[in-house]
Amino acid sequence: PWDPSLVILAMFASVEAIFLSTFVLINQNRMSAEDNSRADLDLQVSLLNEHETTKLIKLVEEIAKRLNIDTDADHELKELKRDVAPEAVLDKIEEVDDRRTPK
């Protein structure tokens, strides 16, 4: 004999699976947004650190000049002294994101 309560049980299991998958997707979207915010903050801190490090390199170079220490032989120093404009980096990232995001 066929037990009709199995159909109802299967229906409840299906509805529960739909709700669970919906809640999991909502949670994943929220976690993704938090990850994006955290990545933006990390980028801001890294850019600030880069700017401060560049200022320190320039300051140490000026101290070395006053002490008559030759720093022109260090080719890496020229590259490290270049100041990175945070606005330019952020604009470039937004430009790349705009190209990747379908409209």
N, C-alpha and C. Protein backbone atom coordinates (compact mmCIF):
# COMPACT_ATOMS: atom_id res chain seq x y z
N PRO A 1 0.83 -1.21 0.00
CA PRO A 1 0.00 0.00 0.00
C PRO A 1 0.87 1.26 0.00
N TRP A 2 0.38 2.29 -0.65
CA TRP A 2 1.10 3.57 -0.77
C TRP A 2 0.72 4.48 0.41
N ASP A 3 1.77 5.05 1.02
CA ASP A 3 1.54 5.93 2.17
C ASP A 3 1.55 7.38 1.69
N PRO A 4 0.41 8.07 1.67
CA PRO A 4 0.36 9.45 1.16
C PRO A 4 1.14 10.44 2.04
N SER A 5 1.46 10.09 3.26
CA SER A 5 2.21 11.01 4.12
C SER A 5 3.65 11.17 3.62
N LEU A 6 4.16 10.24 2.83
CA LEU A 6 5.50 10.37 2.27
C LEU A 6 5.58 11.53 1.27
N VAL A 7 4.51 11.77 0.55
CA VAL A 7 4.47 12.88 -0.39
C VAL A 7 4.56 14.20 0.37
N ILE A 8 3.82 14.28 1.44
CA ILE A 8 3.85 15.50 2.26
C ILE A 8 5.23 15.68 2.88
N LEU A 9 5.82 14.59 3.33
CA LEU A 9 7.16 14.65 3.91
C LEU A 9 8.19 15.11 2.87
N ALA A 10 8.08 14.61 1.65
CA ALA A 10 8.98 15.00 0.58
C ALA A 10 8.79 16.49 0.24
N MET A 11 7.53 16.95 0.27
CA MET A 11 7.26 18.35 0.01
C MET A 11 7.89 19.23 1.09
N PHE A 12 7.77 18.85 2.36
CA PHE A 12 8.39 19.62 3.44
C PHE A 12 9.91 19.64 3.29
N ALA A 13 10.49 18.52 2.91
CA ALA A 13 11.94 18.45 2.73
C ALA A 13 12.38 19.37 1.58
N SER A 14 11.61 19.41 0.52
CA SER A 14 11.93 20.28 -0.62
C SER A 14 11.84 21.75 -0.24
N VAL A 15 10.80 22.11 0.48
CA VAL A 15 10.63 23.50 0.91
C VAL A 15 11.76 23.89 1.85
N GLU A 16 12.13 22.98 2.76
CA GLU A 16 13.23 23.26 3.67
C GLU A 16 14.54 23.44 2.91
N ALA A 17 14.78 22.64 1.89
CA ALA A 17 15.99 22.78 1.08
C ALA A 17 16.02 24.12 0.35
N ILE A 18 14.87 24.57 -0.12
CA ILE A 18 14.79 25.86 -0.80
C ILE A 18 15.14 26.98 0.18
N PHE A 19 14.56 26.94 1.37
CA PHE A 19 14.86 27.97 2.37
C PHE A 19 16.31 27.94 2.79
N LEU A 20 16.86 26.76 3.02
CA LEU A 20 18.26 26.66 3.42
C LEU A 20 19.19 27.20 2.35
N SER A 21 18.94 26.85 1.10
CA SER A 21 19.81 27.35 0.03
C SER A 21 19.69 28.86 -0.11
N THR A 22 18.49 29.41 0.09
CA THR A 22 18.31 30.86 0.04
C THR A 22 19.10 31.54 1.15
N PHE A 23 19.02 31.00 2.37
CA PHE A 23 19.76 31.59 3.49
C PHE A 23 21.26 31.49 3.28
N VAL A 24 21.71 30.39 2.72
CA VAL A 24 23.15 30.23 2.45
C VAL A 24 23.61 31.25 1.42
N LEU A 25 22.84 31.46 0.36
CA LEU A 25 23.21 32.44 -0.66
C LEU A 25 23.21 33.86 -0.11
N ILE A 26 22.25 34.19 0.73
CA ILE A 26 22.22 35.52 1.34
C ILE A 26 23.45 35.73 2.20
N ASN A 27 23.80 34.71 2.99
CA ASN A 27 24.97 34.80 3.85
C ASN A 27 26.25 34.93 3.02
N GLN A 28 26.34 34.20 1.92
CA GLN A 28 27.52 34.31 1.06
C GLN A 28 27.64 35.70 0.45
N ASN A 29 26.53 36.29 0.05
CA ASN A 29 26.55 37.65 -0.50
C ASN A 29 27.02 38.65 0.56
N ARG A 30 26.54 38.49 1.79
CA ARG A 30 26.94 39.38 2.87
C ARG A 30 28.43 39.23 3.15
N MET A 31 28.92 37.99 3.18
CA MET A 31 30.34 37.75 3.42
C MET A 31 31.19 38.31 2.29
N SER A 32 30.70 38.22 1.07
CA SER A 32 31.42 38.76 -0.08
C SER A 32 31.52 40.28 0.03
N ALA A 33 30.46 40.93 0.46
CA ALA A 33 30.49 42.39 0.64
C ALA A 33 31.47 42.77 1.74
N GLU A 34 31.51 41.99 2.82
CA GLU A 34 32.47 42.26 3.90
C GLU A 34 33.90 42.07 3.40
N ASP A 35 34.12 41.04 2.60
CA ASP A 35 35.46 40.81 2.04
C ASP A 35 35.89 41.96 1.13
N ASN A 36 34.95 42.47 0.35
CA ASN A 36 35.27 43.61 -0.52
C ASN A 36 35.63 44.85 0.31
N SER A 37 34.88 45.08 1.37
CA SER A 37 35.18 46.22 2.24
C SER A 37 36.55 46.06 2.90
N ARG A 38 36.83 44.84 3.33
CA ARG A 38 38.13 44.57 3.96
C ARG A 38 39.26 44.75 2.96
N ALA A 39 39.05 44.32 1.73
CA ALA A 39 40.07 44.48 0.69
C ALA A 39 40.30 45.97 0.38
N ASP A 40 39.22 46.75 0.35
CA ASP A 40 39.36 48.19 0.13
C ASP A 40 40.15 48.84 1.25
N LEU A 41 39.86 48.45 2.48
CA LEU A 41 40.60 49.00 3.61
C LEU A 41 42.07 48.61 3.55
N ASP A 42 42.35 47.35 3.20
CA ASP A 42 43.74 46.91 3.05
C ASP A 42 44.47 47.71 1.98
N LEU A 43 43.78 47.99 0.89
CA LEU A 43 44.38 48.79 -0.18
C LEU A 43 44.68 50.20 0.31
N GLN A 44 43.75 50.80 1.03
CA GLN A 44 43.97 52.15 1.55
C GLN A 44 45.17 52.18 2.49
N VAL A 45 45.27 51.19 3.37
CA VAL A 45 46.39 51.13 4.31
C VAL A 45 47.70 50.91 3.56
N SER A 46 47.69 50.06 2.56
CA SER A 46 48.90 49.81 1.78
C SER A 46 49.35 51.06 1.03
N LEU A 47 48.41 51.78 0.46
CA LEU A 47 48.76 53.02 -0.25
C LEU A 47 49.31 54.07 0.72
N LEU A 48 48.72 54.16 1.89
CA LEU A 48 49.22 55.10 2.90
C LEU A 48 50.62 54.69 3.34
N ASN A 49 50.83 53.40 3.54
CA ASN A 49 52.15 52.90 3.92
C ASN A 49 53.19 53.19 2.83
N GLU A 50 52.80 53.01 1.59
CA GLU A 50 53.69 53.30 0.46
C GLU A 50 54.09 54.77 0.44
N HIS A 51 53.11 55.62 0.66
CA HIS A 51 53.37 57.07 0.66
C HIS A 51 54.30 57.45 1.81
N GLU A 52 54.06 56.91 2.98
CA GLU A 52 54.91 57.23 4.14
C GLU A 52 56.32 56.69 3.95
N THR A 53 56.44 55.51 3.37
CA THR A 53 57.76 54.93 3.12
C THR A 53 58.54 55.77 2.13
N THR A 54 57.86 56.27 1.11
CA THR A 54 58.52 57.14 0.13
C THR A 54 59.02 58.41 0.80
N LYS A 55 58.21 58.99 1.67
CA LYS A 55 58.64 60.19 2.39
C LYS A 55 59.87 59.89 3.26
N LEU A 56 59.87 58.73 3.92
CA LEU A 56 61.01 58.36 4.76
C LEU A 56 62.28 58.18 3.93
N ILE A 57 62.15 57.57 2.76
CA ILE A 57 63.31 57.38 1.88
C ILE A 57 63.87 58.73 1.46
N LYS A 58 63.00 59.66 1.10
CA LYS A 58 63.46 60.99 0.72
C LYS A 58 64.14 61.70 1.88
N LEU A 59 63.58 61.54 3.08
CA LEU A 59 64.17 62.16 4.26
C LEU A 59 65.55 61.58 4.56
N VAL A 60 65.68 60.26 4.48
CA VAL A 60 66.97 59.63 4.72
C VAL A 60 67.98 60.04 3.66
N GLU A 61 67.52 60.20 2.42
CA GLU A 61 68.43 60.64 1.36
C GLU A 61 68.93 62.07 1.63
N GLU A 62 68.05 62.93 2.10
CA GLU A 62 68.47 64.30 2.43
C GLU A 62 69.47 64.30 3.59
N ILE A 63 69.26 63.43 4.56
CA ILE A 63 70.22 63.32 5.66
C ILE A 63 71.56 62.84 5.13
N ALA A 64 71.51 61.86 4.21
CA ALA A 64 72.75 61.33 3.63
C ALA A 64 73.48 62.42 2.84
N LYS A 65 72.74 63.27 2.13
CA LYS A 65 73.38 64.36 1.39
C LYS A 65 74.06 65.34 2.33
N ARG A 66 73.42 65.65 3.44
CA ARG A 66 74.03 66.59 4.40
C ARG A 66 75.26 65.99 5.06
N LEU A 67 75.32 64.68 5.15
CA LEU A 67 76.49 64.02 5.72
C LEU A 67 77.52 63.66 4.65
N ASN A 68 77.27 64.13 3.41
CA ASN A 68 78.16 63.88 2.27
C ASN A 68 78.35 62.39 1.98
N ILE A 69 77.25 61.65 2.02
CA ILE A 69 77.27 60.23 1.68
C ILE A 69 76.66 60.10 0.29
N ASP A 70 77.37 59.44 -0.62
CA ASP A 70 76.92 59.30 -2.00
C ASP A 70 75.84 58.22 -2.08
N THR A 71 74.68 58.60 -2.55
CA THR A 71 73.58 57.64 -2.72
C THR A 71 73.20 57.46 -4.18
N ASP A 72 73.89 58.11 -5.08
CA ASP A 72 73.55 58.02 -6.51
C ASP A 72 73.87 56.65 -7.10
N ALA A 73 74.74 55.90 -6.46
CA ALA A 73 75.12 54.59 -6.99
C ALA A 73 74.00 53.56 -6.83
N ASP A 74 73.11 53.80 -5.91
CA ASP A 74 72.02 52.86 -5.66
C ASP A 74 70.86 53.13 -6.63
N HIS A 75 70.75 52.29 -7.66
CA HIS A 75 69.72 52.50 -8.69
C HIS A 75 68.33 52.16 -8.17
N GLU A 76 68.25 51.28 -7.19
CA GLU A 76 66.95 50.94 -6.62
C GLU A 76 66.36 52.14 -5.89
N LEU A 77 67.21 52.96 -5.35
CA LEU A 77 66.75 54.11 -4.59
C LEU A 77 65.95 55.07 -5.47
N LYS A 78 66.35 55.22 -6.71
CA LYS A 78 65.62 56.10 -7.62
C LYS A 78 64.19 55.60 -7.83
N GLU A 79 64.06 54.29 -7.97
CA GLU A 79 62.73 53.70 -8.15
C GLU A 79 61.89 53.84 -6.88
N LEU A 80 62.52 53.64 -5.74
CA LEU A 80 61.79 53.71 -4.48
C LEU A 80 61.38 55.14 -4.12
N LYS A 81 62.09 56.12 -4.63
CA LYS A 81 61.77 57.51 -4.33
C LYS A 81 60.56 58.02 -5.10
N ARG A 82 60.20 57.30 -6.15
CA ARG A 82 59.04 57.75 -6.92
C ARG A 82 57.79 57.66 -6.07
N ASP A 83 57.09 58.77 -5.97
CA ASP A 83 55.89 58.81 -5.14
C ASP A 83 54.72 58.22 -5.92
N VAL A 84 54.00 57.33 -5.28
CA VAL A 84 52.83 56.71 -5.89
C VAL A 84 51.61 57.53 -5.50
N ALA A 85 50.91 58.01 -6.49
CA ALA A 85 49.70 58.80 -6.22
C ALA A 85 48.54 57.85 -5.93
N PRO A 86 48.02 57.87 -4.69
CA PRO A 86 46.93 56.95 -4.36
C PRO A 86 45.70 57.13 -5.25
N GLU A 87 45.43 58.36 -5.63
CA GLU A 87 44.26 58.62 -6.47
C GLU A 87 44.40 57.93 -7.83
N ALA A 88 45.62 57.96 -8.38
CA ALA A 88 45.85 57.31 -9.67
C ALA A 88 45.66 55.81 -9.57
N VAL A 89 46.14 55.22 -8.48
CA VAL A 89 45.99 53.77 -8.29
C VAL A 89 44.51 53.42 -8.16
N LEU A 90 43.78 54.17 -7.35
CA LEU A 90 42.35 53.90 -7.17
C LEU A 90 41.57 54.10 -8.47
N ASP A 91 41.92 55.14 -9.23
CA ASP A 91 41.26 55.36 -10.53
C ASP A 91 41.51 54.20 -11.48
N LYS A 92 42.74 53.70 -11.49
CA LYS A 92 43.08 52.58 -12.37
C LYS A 92 42.31 51.33 -11.97
N ILE A 93 42.20 51.08 -10.66
CA ILE A 93 41.45 49.91 -10.18
C ILE A 93 39.98 50.02 -10.57
N GLU A 94 39.39 51.21 -10.40
CA GLU A 94 38.00 51.41 -10.79
C GLU A 94 37.81 51.23 -12.29
N GLU A 95 38.78 51.68 -13.07
CA GLU A 95 38.71 51.53 -14.53
C GLU A 95 38.72 50.06 -14.91
N VAL A 96 39.58 49.28 -14.29
CA VAL A 96 39.65 47.85 -14.59
C VAL A 96 38.36 47.16 -14.14
N ASP A 97 37.84 47.54 -12.97
CA ASP A 97 36.59 46.95 -12.48
C ASP A 97 35.42 47.27 -13.41
N ASP A 98 35.40 48.50 -13.95
CA ASP A 98 34.34 48.89 -14.86
C ASP A 98 34.38 48.07 -16.14
N ARG A 99 35.60 47.76 -16.59
CA ARG A 99 35.73 46.95 -17.81
C ARG A 99 35.30 45.51 -17.55
N ARG A 100 35.53 45.00 -16.35
CA ARG A 100 35.19 43.62 -16.03
C ARG A 100 33.71 43.43 -15.73
N THR A 101 33.07 44.46 -15.20
CA THR A 101 31.68 44.37 -14.79
C THR A 101 30.78 44.48 -16.01
N PRO A 102 29.96 43.45 -16.25
CA PRO A 102 29.02 43.55 -17.39
C PRO A 102 27.91 44.54 -17.07
N LYS A 103 27.50 45.27 -18.11
CA LYS A 103 26.48 46.30 -17.92
C LYS A 103 25.14 45.81 -18.36
